[in-house]
Amino acid sequence: TSGEMRLSNFLLWQAAYSEFVFLPCLWPDFD
């Protein structure tokens, strides 16, 4: 969320073939 487009040290090994969706909404608005 929040429009950031990076992994930020999250699940680097496990995300080798993950799909990514980047949302502009801030986390408190994620419903």
Full PDB file with SEQRES, HELIX, SHEET, SSBOND, CRYST1, ORIGX, SCALE, CONECT and MASTER records, all heavy atoms in Angstrom:
SEQRES   1 A   31  THR SER GLY GLU MET ARG LEU SER ASN PHE LEU LEU TRP          
SEQRES   2 A   31  GLN ALA ALA TYR SER GLU PHE VAL PHE LEU PRO CYS LEU          
SEQRES   3 A   31  TRP PRO ASP PHE ASP                                          
HELIX    1 AA1 TRP A   27  ASP A   29  5                                   3    
CRYST1    1.000    1.000    1.000  90.00  90.00  90.00 P 1           1          
ORIGX1      1.000000  0.000000  0.000000        0.00000                         
ORIGX2      0.000000  1.000000  0.000000        0.00000                         
ORIGX3      0.000000  0.000000  1.000000        0.00000                         
SCALE1      1.000000  0.000000  0.000000        0.00000                         
SCALE2      0.000000  1.000000  0.000000        0.00000                         
SCALE3      0.000000  0.000000  1.000000        0.00000                         
ATOM      1  N   THR A   1       0.827  -1.199   0.000  1.00  0.00           N  
ATOM      2  CA  THR A   1       0.000   0.000   0.000  1.00  0.00           C  
ATOM      3  C   THR A   1       0.867   1.257   0.000  1.00  0.00           C  
ATOM      4  O   THR A   1       2.086   1.200   0.086  1.00  0.00           O  
ATOM      5  CB  THR A   1      -0.918   0.007   1.229  1.00  0.00           C  
ATOM      6  OG1 THR A   1      -0.121  -0.097   2.418  1.00  0.00           O  
ATOM      7  CG2 THR A   1      -1.893  -1.154   1.189  1.00  0.00           C  
ATOM      8  N   SER A   2       0.196   2.396  -0.106  1.00  0.00           N  
ATOM      9  CA  SER A   2       0.744   3.758   0.020  1.00  0.00           C  
ATOM     10  C   SER A   2       1.565   4.210  -1.171  1.00  0.00           C  
ATOM     11  O   SER A   2       2.268   5.211  -1.102  1.00  0.00           O  
ATOM     12  CB  SER A   2       1.564   3.922   1.311  1.00  0.00           C  
ATOM     13  OG  SER A   2       2.888   3.444   1.158  1.00  0.00           O  
ATOM     14  N   GLY A   3       1.492   3.479  -2.273  1.00  0.00           N  
ATOM     15  CA  GLY A   3       2.178   3.908  -3.479  1.00  0.00           C  
ATOM     16  C   GLY A   3       3.653   3.563  -3.540  1.00  0.00           C  
ATOM     17  O   GLY A   3       4.317   3.862  -4.536  1.00  0.00           O  
ATOM     18  N   GLU A   4       4.203   2.948  -2.495  1.00  0.00           N  
ATOM     19  CA  GLU A   4       5.608   2.534  -2.523  1.00  0.00           C  
ATOM     20  C   GLU A   4       5.763   1.336  -3.460  1.00  0.00           C  
ATOM     21  O   GLU A   4       4.917   0.445  -3.480  1.00  0.00           O  
ATOM     22  CB  GLU A   4       6.089   2.162  -1.118  1.00  0.00           C  
ATOM     23  CG  GLU A   4       5.937   3.271  -0.082  1.00  0.00           C  
ATOM     24  CD  GLU A   4       6.882   4.428  -0.320  1.00  0.00           C  
ATOM     25  OE1 GLU A   4       7.705   4.347  -1.260  1.00  0.00           O  
ATOM     26  OE2 GLU A   4       6.799   5.427   0.416  1.00  0.00           O  
ATOM     27  N   MET A   5       6.854   1.298  -4.211  1.00  0.00           N  
ATOM     28  CA  MET A   5       7.060   0.229  -5.193  1.00  0.00           C  
ATOM     29  C   MET A   5       8.391  -0.457  -4.957  1.00  0.00           C  
ATOM     30  O   MET A   5       9.286  -0.452  -5.805  1.00  0.00           O  
ATOM     31  CB  MET A   5       6.966   0.788  -6.616  1.00  0.00           C  
ATOM     32  CG  MET A   5       5.597   1.333  -6.947  1.00  0.00           C  
ATOM     33  SD  MET A   5       5.450   1.827  -8.677  1.00  0.00           S  
ATOM     34  CE  MET A   5       3.764   2.459  -8.700  1.00  0.00           C  
ATOM     35  N   ARG A   6       8.540  -1.026  -3.795  1.00  0.00           N  
ATOM     36  CA  ARG A   6       9.747  -1.773  -3.455  1.00  0.00           C  
ATOM     37  C   ARG A   6       9.390  -2.838  -2.424  1.00  0.00           C  
ATOM     38  O   ARG A   6       8.367  -2.753  -1.757  1.00  0.00           O  
ATOM     39  CB  ARG A   6      10.831  -0.841  -2.918  1.00  0.00           C  
ATOM     40  CG  ARG A   6      10.413  -0.038  -1.695  1.00  0.00           C  
ATOM     41  CD  ARG A   6      11.540   0.865  -1.195  1.00  0.00           C  
ATOM     42  NE  ARG A   6      11.141   1.583   0.004  1.00  0.00           N  
ATOM     43  CZ  ARG A   6      10.528   2.759   0.013  1.00  0.00           C  
ATOM     44  NH1 ARG A   6      10.238   3.360  -1.132  1.00  0.00           N  
ATOM     45  NH2 ARG A   6      10.197   3.344   1.150  1.00  0.00           N  
ATOM     46  N   LEU A   7      10.277  -3.827  -2.271  1.00  0.00           N  
ATOM     47  CA  LEU A   7      10.032  -4.927  -1.333  1.00  0.00           C  
ATOM     48  C   LEU A   7      10.413  -4.582   0.104  1.00  0.00           C  
ATOM     49  O   LEU A   7       9.886  -5.168   1.046  1.00  0.00           O  
ATOM     50  CB  LEU A   7      10.799  -6.169  -1.776  1.00  0.00           C  
ATOM     51  CG  LEU A   7      10.057  -7.115  -2.716  1.00  0.00           C  
ATOM     52  CD1 LEU A   7      10.967  -8.245  -3.161  1.00  0.00           C  
ATOM     53  CD2 LEU A   7       8.817  -7.685  -2.040  1.00  0.00           C  
ATOM     54  N   SER A   8      11.380  -3.698   0.274  1.00  0.00           N  
ATOM     55  CA  SER A   8      11.787  -3.277   1.619  1.00  0.00           C  
ATOM     56  C   SER A   8      12.155  -4.463   2.513  1.00  0.00           C  
ATOM     57  O   SER A   8      11.684  -4.576   3.648  1.00  0.00           O  
ATOM     58  CB  SER A   8      10.699  -2.420   2.276  1.00  0.00           C  
ATOM     59  OG  SER A   8      10.525  -1.209   1.578  1.00  0.00           O  
ATOM     60  N   ASN A   9      12.973  -5.363   1.965  1.00  0.00           N  
ATOM     61  CA  ASN A   9      13.521  -6.465   2.762  1.00  0.00           C  
ATOM     62  C   ASN A   9      12.438  -7.441   3.238  1.00  0.00           C  
ATOM     63  O   ASN A   9      12.534  -8.004   4.326  1.00  0.00           O  
ATOM     64  CB  ASN A   9      14.301  -5.918   3.967  1.00  0.00           C  
ATOM     65  CG  ASN A   9      15.372  -6.883   4.455  1.00  0.00           C  
ATOM     66  OD1 ASN A   9      15.766  -7.817   3.765  1.00  0.00           O  
ATOM     67  ND2 ASN A   9      15.839  -6.656   5.665  1.00  0.00           N  
ATOM     68  N   PHE A  10      11.434  -7.654   2.407  1.00  0.00           N  
ATOM     69  CA  PHE A  10      10.322  -8.537   2.751  1.00  0.00           C  
ATOM     70  C   PHE A  10      10.299  -9.758   1.833  1.00  0.00           C  
ATOM     71  O   PHE A  10      10.164  -9.630   0.612  1.00  0.00           O  
ATOM     72  CB  PHE A  10       9.005  -7.767   2.620  1.00  0.00           C  
ATOM     73  CG  PHE A  10       7.768  -8.572   2.942  1.00  0.00           C  
ATOM     74  CD1 PHE A  10       7.598  -9.147   4.187  1.00  0.00           C  
ATOM     75  CD2 PHE A  10       6.767  -8.737   1.999  1.00  0.00           C  
ATOM     76  CE1 PHE A  10       6.455  -9.875   4.493  1.00  0.00           C  
ATOM     77  CE2 PHE A  10       5.615  -9.459   2.292  1.00  0.00           C  
ATOM     78  CZ  PHE A  10       5.467 -10.027   3.537  1.00  0.00           C  
ATOM     79  N   LEU A  11      10.480 -10.942   2.391  1.00  0.00           N  
ATOM     80  CA  LEU A  11      10.330 -12.215   1.674  1.00  0.00           C  
ATOM     81  C   LEU A  11      11.106 -12.241   0.354  1.00  0.00           C  
ATOM     82  O   LEU A  11      10.585 -12.667  -0.681  1.00  0.00           O  
ATOM     83  CB  LEU A  11       8.844 -12.508   1.416  1.00  0.00           C  
ATOM     84  CG  LEU A  11       7.947 -12.676   2.642  1.00  0.00           C  
ATOM     85  CD1 LEU A  11       6.509 -12.938   2.211  1.00  0.00           C  
ATOM     86  CD2 LEU A  11       8.430 -13.797   3.543  1.00  0.00           C  
ATOM     87  N   LEU A  12      12.360 -11.812   0.401  1.00  0.00           N  
ATOM     88  CA  LEU A  12      13.155 -11.739  -0.823  1.00  0.00           C  
ATOM     89  C   LEU A  12      13.317 -13.108  -1.476  1.00  0.00           C  
ATOM     90  O   LEU A  12      13.227 -13.234  -2.706  1.00  0.00           O  
ATOM     91  CB  LEU A  12      14.535 -11.141  -0.504  1.00  0.00           C  
ATOM     92  CG  LEU A  12      14.545  -9.717   0.042  1.00  0.00           C  
ATOM     93  CD1 LEU A  12      15.980  -9.290   0.340  1.00  0.00           C  
ATOM     94  CD2 LEU A  12      13.894  -8.749  -0.935  1.00  0.00           C  
ATOM     95  N   TRP A  13      13.572 -14.125  -0.700  1.00  0.00           N  
ATOM     96  CA  TRP A  13      13.748 -15.483  -1.221  1.00  0.00           C  
ATOM     97  C   TRP A  13      12.428 -16.024  -1.755  1.00  0.00           C  
ATOM     98  O   TRP A  13      12.359 -16.587  -2.845  1.00  0.00           O  
ATOM     99  CB  TRP A  13      14.307 -16.383  -0.123  1.00  0.00           C  
ATOM    100  CG  TRP A  13      14.356 -17.833  -0.458  1.00  0.00           C  
ATOM    101  CD1 TRP A  13      13.397 -18.780  -0.191  1.00  0.00           C  
ATOM    102  CD2 TRP A  13      15.411 -18.535  -1.128  1.00  0.00           C  
ATOM    103  NE1 TRP A  13      13.789 -20.019  -0.640  1.00  0.00           N  
ATOM    104  CE2 TRP A  13      15.026 -19.890  -1.223  1.00  0.00           C  
ATOM    105  CE3 TRP A  13      16.646 -18.152  -1.647  1.00  0.00           C  
ATOM    106  CZ2 TRP A  13      15.817 -20.858  -1.820  1.00  0.00           C  
ATOM    107  CZ3 TRP A  13      17.445 -19.109  -2.246  1.00  0.00           C  
ATOM    108  CH2 TRP A  13      17.030 -20.447  -2.331  1.00  0.00           C  
ATOM    109  N   GLN A  14      11.375 -15.844  -0.983  1.00  0.00           N  
ATOM    110  CA  GLN A  14      10.089 -16.462  -1.295  1.00  0.00           C  
ATOM    111  C   GLN A  14       9.356 -15.769  -2.445  1.00  0.00           C  
ATOM    112  O   GLN A  14       8.459 -16.354  -3.053  1.00  0.00           O  
ATOM    113  CB  GLN A  14       9.196 -16.447  -0.045  1.00  0.00           C  
ATOM    114  CG  GLN A  14       9.749 -17.229   1.127  1.00  0.00           C  
ATOM    115  CD  GLN A  14      10.699 -16.409   1.993  1.00  0.00           C  
ATOM    116  OE1 GLN A  14      11.163 -15.337   1.609  1.00  0.00           O  
ATOM    117  NE2 GLN A  14      10.998 -16.917   3.182  1.00  0.00           N  
ATOM    118  N   ALA A  15       9.726 -14.530  -2.749  1.00  0.00           N  
ATOM    119  CA  ALA A  15       8.984 -13.745  -3.739  1.00  0.00           C  
ATOM    120  C   ALA A  15       9.501 -13.923  -5.162  1.00  0.00           C  
ATOM    121  O   ALA A  15       9.130 -13.155  -6.049  1.00  0.00           O  
ATOM    122  CB  ALA A  15       9.029 -12.268  -3.368  1.00  0.00           C  
ATOM    123  N   ALA A  16      10.314 -14.948  -5.402  1.00  0.00           N  
ATOM    124  CA  ALA A  16      10.954 -15.117  -6.707  1.00  0.00           C  
ATOM    125  C   ALA A  16       9.953 -15.106  -7.858  1.00  0.00           C  
ATOM    126  O   ALA A  16      10.221 -14.545  -8.926  1.00  0.00           O  
ATOM    127  CB  ALA A  16      11.759 -16.416  -6.730  1.00  0.00           C  
ATOM    128  N   TYR A  17       8.769 -15.705  -7.667  1.00  0.00           N  
ATOM    129  CA  TYR A  17       7.767 -15.758  -8.724  1.00  0.00           C  
ATOM    130  C   TYR A  17       6.422 -15.198  -8.272  1.00  0.00           C  
ATOM    131  O   TYR A  17       5.376 -15.512  -8.848  1.00  0.00           O  
ATOM    132  CB  TYR A  17       7.600 -17.188  -9.235  1.00  0.00           C  
ATOM    133  CG  TYR A  17       8.709 -17.603 -10.169  1.00  0.00           C  
ATOM    134  CD1 TYR A  17       9.758 -18.390  -9.723  1.00  0.00           C  
ATOM    135  CD2 TYR A  17       8.725 -17.160 -11.496  1.00  0.00           C  
ATOM    136  CE1 TYR A  17      10.804 -18.749 -10.566  1.00  0.00           C  
ATOM    137  CE2 TYR A  17       9.758 -17.519 -12.347  1.00  0.00           C  
ATOM    138  CZ  TYR A  17      10.792 -18.312 -11.879  1.00  0.00           C  
ATOM    139  OH  TYR A  17      11.820 -18.658 -12.727  1.00  0.00           O  
ATOM    140  N   SER A  18       6.441 -14.357  -7.251  1.00  0.00           N  
ATOM    141  CA  SER A  18       5.202 -13.733  -6.798  1.00  0.00           C  
ATOM    142  C   SER A  18       4.751 -12.660  -7.771  1.00  0.00           C  
ATOM    143  O   SER A  18       5.563 -12.020  -8.439  1.00  0.00           O  
ATOM    144  CB  SER A  18       5.397 -13.097  -5.411  1.00  0.00           C  
ATOM    145  OG  SER A  18       5.766 -14.053  -4.446  1.00  0.00           O  
ATOM    146  N   GLU A  19       3.458 -12.444  -7.826  1.00  0.00           N  
ATOM    147  CA  GLU A  19       2.898 -11.291  -8.526  1.00  0.00           C  
ATOM    148  C   GLU A  19       2.818 -10.124  -7.543  1.00  0.00           C  
ATOM    149  O   GLU A  19       2.617 -10.326  -6.345  1.00  0.00           O  
ATOM    150  CB  GLU A  19       1.505 -11.609  -9.070  1.00  0.00           C  
ATOM    151  CG  GLU A  19       1.486 -12.684 -10.136  1.00  0.00           C  
ATOM    152  CD  GLU A  19       2.153 -12.242 -11.428  1.00  0.00           C  
ATOM    153  OE1 GLU A  19       2.035 -11.048 -11.777  1.00  0.00           O  
ATOM    154  OE2 GLU A  19       2.804 -13.085 -12.077  1.00  0.00           O  
ATOM    155  N   PHE A  20       2.966  -8.908  -8.047  1.00  0.00           N  
ATOM    156  CA  PHE A  20       2.942  -7.725  -7.202  1.00  0.00           C  
ATOM    157  C   PHE A  20       1.798  -6.804  -7.607  1.00  0.00           C  
ATOM    158  O   PHE A  20       1.542  -6.603  -8.798  1.00  0.00           O  
ATOM    159  CB  PHE A  20       4.263  -6.952  -7.310  1.00  0.00           C  
ATOM    160  CG  PHE A  20       5.438  -7.679  -6.726  1.00  0.00           C  
ATOM    161  CD1 PHE A  20       6.097  -8.661  -7.446  1.00  0.00           C  
ATOM    162  CD2 PHE A  20       5.877  -7.401  -5.444  1.00  0.00           C  
ATOM    163  CE1 PHE A  20       7.167  -9.346  -6.920  1.00  0.00           C  
ATOM    164  CE2 PHE A  20       6.952  -8.084  -4.905  1.00  0.00           C  
ATOM    165  CZ  PHE A  20       7.598  -9.052  -5.630  1.00  0.00           C  
ATOM    166  N   VAL A  21       1.126  -6.257  -6.600  1.00  0.00           N  
ATOM    167  CA  VAL A  21       0.137  -5.215  -6.817  1.00  0.00           C  
ATOM    168  C   VAL A  21       0.479  -4.065  -5.879  1.00  0.00           C  
ATOM    169  O   VAL A  21       0.564  -4.254  -4.661  1.00  0.00           O  
ATOM    170  CB  VAL A  21      -1.304  -5.715  -6.547  1.00  0.00           C  
ATOM    171  CG1 VAL A  21      -2.283  -4.544  -6.556  1.00  0.00           C  
ATOM    172  CG2 VAL A  21      -1.714  -6.744  -7.585  1.00  0.00           C  
ATOM    173  N   PHE A  22       0.709  -2.899  -6.451  1.00  0.00           N  
ATOM    174  CA  PHE A  22       1.035  -1.711  -5.669  1.00  0.00           C  
ATOM    175  C   PHE A  22      -0.178  -0.790  -5.669  1.00  0.00           C  
ATOM    176  O   PHE A  22      -0.684  -0.408  -6.733  1.00  0.00           O  
ATOM    177  CB  PHE A  22       2.251  -0.999  -6.263  1.00  0.00           C  
ATOM    178  CG  PHE A  22       3.482  -1.853  -6.286  1.00  0.00           C  
ATOM    179  CD1 PHE A  22       3.910  -2.452  -7.467  1.00  0.00           C  
ATOM    180  CD2 PHE A  22       4.219  -2.080  -5.134  1.00  0.00           C  
ATOM    181  CE1 PHE A  22       5.046  -3.241  -7.497  1.00  0.00           C  
ATOM    182  CE2 PHE A  22       5.354  -2.876  -5.148  1.00  0.00           C  
ATOM    183  CZ  PHE A  22       5.767  -3.463  -6.331  1.00  0.00           C  
ATOM    184  N   LEU A  23      -0.651  -0.461  -4.477  1.00  0.00           N  
ATOM    185  CA  LEU A  23      -1.857   0.341  -4.343  1.00  0.00           C  
ATOM    186  C   LEU A  23      -1.529   1.742  -3.828  1.00  0.00           C  
ATOM    187  O   LEU A  23      -0.662   1.903  -2.961  1.00  0.00           O  
ATOM    188  CB  LEU A  23      -2.833  -0.329  -3.378  1.00  0.00           C  
ATOM    189  CG  LEU A  23      -3.316  -1.737  -3.756  1.00  0.00           C  
ATOM    190  CD1 LEU A  23      -4.217  -2.286  -2.660  1.00  0.00           C  
ATOM    191  CD2 LEU A  23      -4.051  -1.705  -5.091  1.00  0.00           C  
ATOM    192  N   PRO A  24      -2.224   2.758  -4.307  1.00  0.00           N  
ATOM    193  CA  PRO A  24      -1.962   4.113  -3.825  1.00  0.00           C  
ATOM    194  C   PRO A  24      -2.526   4.388  -2.438  1.00  0.00           C  
ATOM    195  O   PRO A  24      -2.081   5.319  -1.749  1.00  0.00           O  
ATOM    196  CB  PRO A  24      -2.650   4.997  -4.876  1.00  0.00           C  
ATOM    197  CG  PRO A  24      -3.751   4.129  -5.422  1.00  0.00           C  
ATOM    198  CD  PRO A  24      -3.203   2.738  -5.412  1.00  0.00           C  
ATOM    199  N   CYS A  25      -3.506   3.601  -1.989  1.00  0.00           N  
ATOM    200  CA  CYS A  25      -4.147   3.882  -0.708  1.00  0.00           C  
ATOM    201  C   CYS A  25      -3.197   3.591   0.451  1.00  0.00           C  
ATOM    202  O   CYS A  25      -2.351   2.704   0.381  1.00  0.00           O  
ATOM    203  CB  CYS A  25      -5.435   3.067  -0.556  1.00  0.00           C  
ATOM    204  SG  CYS A  25      -5.194   1.286  -0.346  1.00  0.00           S  
ATOM    205  N   LEU A  26      -3.326   4.376   1.506  1.00  0.00           N  
ATOM    206  CA  LEU A  26      -2.560   4.145   2.715  1.00  0.00           C  
ATOM    207  C   LEU A  26      -3.181   2.983   3.487  1.00  0.00           C  
ATOM    208  O   LEU A  26      -4.382   2.724   3.385  1.00  0.00           O  
ATOM    209  CB  LEU A  26      -2.526   5.415   3.570  1.00  0.00           C  
ATOM    210  CG  LEU A  26      -1.962   6.657   2.871  1.00  0.00           C  
ATOM    211  CD1 LEU A  26      -2.088   7.888   3.768  1.00  0.00           C  
ATOM    212  CD2 LEU A  26      -0.515   6.450   2.449  1.00  0.00           C  
ATOM    213  N   TRP A  27      -2.356   2.280   4.285  1.00  0.00           N  
ATOM    214  CA  TRP A  27      -2.833   1.051   4.916  1.00  0.00           C  
ATOM    215  C   TRP A  27      -4.122   1.218   5.716  1.00  0.00           C  
ATOM    216  O   TRP A  27      -5.017   0.366   5.636  1.00  0.00           O  
ATOM    217  CB  TRP A  27      -1.747   0.421   5.784  1.00  0.00           C  
ATOM    218  CG  TRP A  27      -2.254  -0.777   6.526  1.00  0.00           C  
ATOM    219  CD1 TRP A  27      -2.494  -0.889   7.856  1.00  0.00           C  
ATOM    220  CD2 TRP A  27      -2.643  -2.034   5.953  1.00  0.00           C  
ATOM    221  NE1 TRP A  27      -3.006  -2.135   8.157  1.00  0.00           N  
ATOM    222  CE2 TRP A  27      -3.105  -2.860   7.005  1.00  0.00           C  
ATOM    223  CE3 TRP A  27      -2.640  -2.540   4.644  1.00  0.00           C  
ATOM    224  CZ2 TRP A  27      -3.554  -4.148   6.798  1.00  0.00           C  
ATOM    225  CZ3 TRP A  27      -3.097  -3.833   4.432  1.00  0.00           C  
ATOM    226  CH2 TRP A  27      -3.540  -4.622   5.501  1.00  0.00           C  
ATOM    227  N   PRO A  28      -4.306   2.277   6.511  1.00  0.00           N  
ATOM    228  CA  PRO A  28      -5.563   2.391   7.263  1.00  0.00           C  
ATOM    229  C   PRO A  28      -6.801   2.432   6.367  1.00  0.00           C  
ATOM    230  O   PRO A  28      -7.913   2.160   6.842  1.00  0.00           O  
ATOM    231  CB  PRO A  28      -5.395   3.707   8.034  1.00  0.00           C  
ATOM    232  CG  PRO A  28      -3.917   3.835   8.214  1.00  0.00           C  
ATOM    233  CD  PRO A  28      -3.342   3.324   6.915  1.00  0.00           C  
ATOM    234  N   ASP A  29      -6.640   2.771   5.086  1.00  0.00           N  
ATOM    235  CA  ASP A  29      -7.761   2.800   4.146  1.00  0.00           C  
ATOM    236  C   ASP A  29      -7.898   1.500   3.358  1.00  0.00           C  
ATOM    237  O   ASP A  29      -8.786   1.396   2.499  1.00  0.00           O  
ATOM    238  CB  ASP A  29      -7.594   3.964   3.165  1.00  0.00           C  
ATOM    239  CG  ASP A  29      -7.693   5.318   3.851  1.00  0.00           C  
ATOM    240  OD1 ASP A  29      -8.490   5.443   4.800  1.00  0.00           O  
ATOM    241  OD2 ASP A  29      -6.967   6.246   3.443  1.00  0.00           O  
ATOM    242  N   PHE A  30      -7.032   0.528   3.640  1.00  0.00           N  
ATOM    243  CA  PHE A  30      -7.099  -0.755   2.932  1.00  0.00           C  
ATOM    244  C   PHE A  30      -8.262  -1.560   3.509  1.00  0.00           C  
ATOM    245  O   PHE A  30      -8.208  -2.064   4.626  1.00  0.00           O  
ATOM    246  CB  PHE A  30      -5.782  -1.522   3.090  1.00  0.00           C  
ATOM    247  CG  PHE A  30      -5.731  -2.821   2.324  1.00  0.00           C  
ATOM    248  CD1 PHE A  30      -5.396  -2.842   0.981  1.00  0.00           C  
ATOM    249  CD2 PHE A  30      -6.020  -4.031   2.945  1.00  0.00           C  
ATOM    250  CE1 PHE A  30      -5.341  -4.035   0.270  1.00  0.00           C  
ATOM    251  CE2 PHE A  30      -5.966  -5.226   2.250  1.00  0.00           C  
ATOM    252  CZ  PHE A  30      -5.627  -5.229   0.908  1.00  0.00           C  
ATOM    253  N   ASP A  31      -9.317  -1.680   2.728  1.00  0.00           N  
ATOM    254  CA  ASP A  31     -10.522  -2.361   3.182  1.00  0.00           C  
ATOM    255  C   ASP A  31     -10.837  -3.546   2.270  1.00  0.00           C  
ATOM    256  O   ASP A  31     -10.033  -3.911   1.404  1.00  0.00           O  
ATOM    257  CB  ASP A  31     -11.701  -1.386   3.239  1.00  0.00           C  
ATOM    258  CG  ASP A  31     -11.949  -0.680   1.895  1.00  0.00           C  
ATOM    259  OD1 ASP A  31     -11.353  -1.109   0.878  1.00  0.00           O  
ATOM    260  OD2 ASP A  31     -12.727   0.283   1.868  1.00  0.00           O  
TER     261      ASP A  31                                                      
MASTER        0    0    0    1    0    0    0    6  260    1    0    3          
END                                                                             
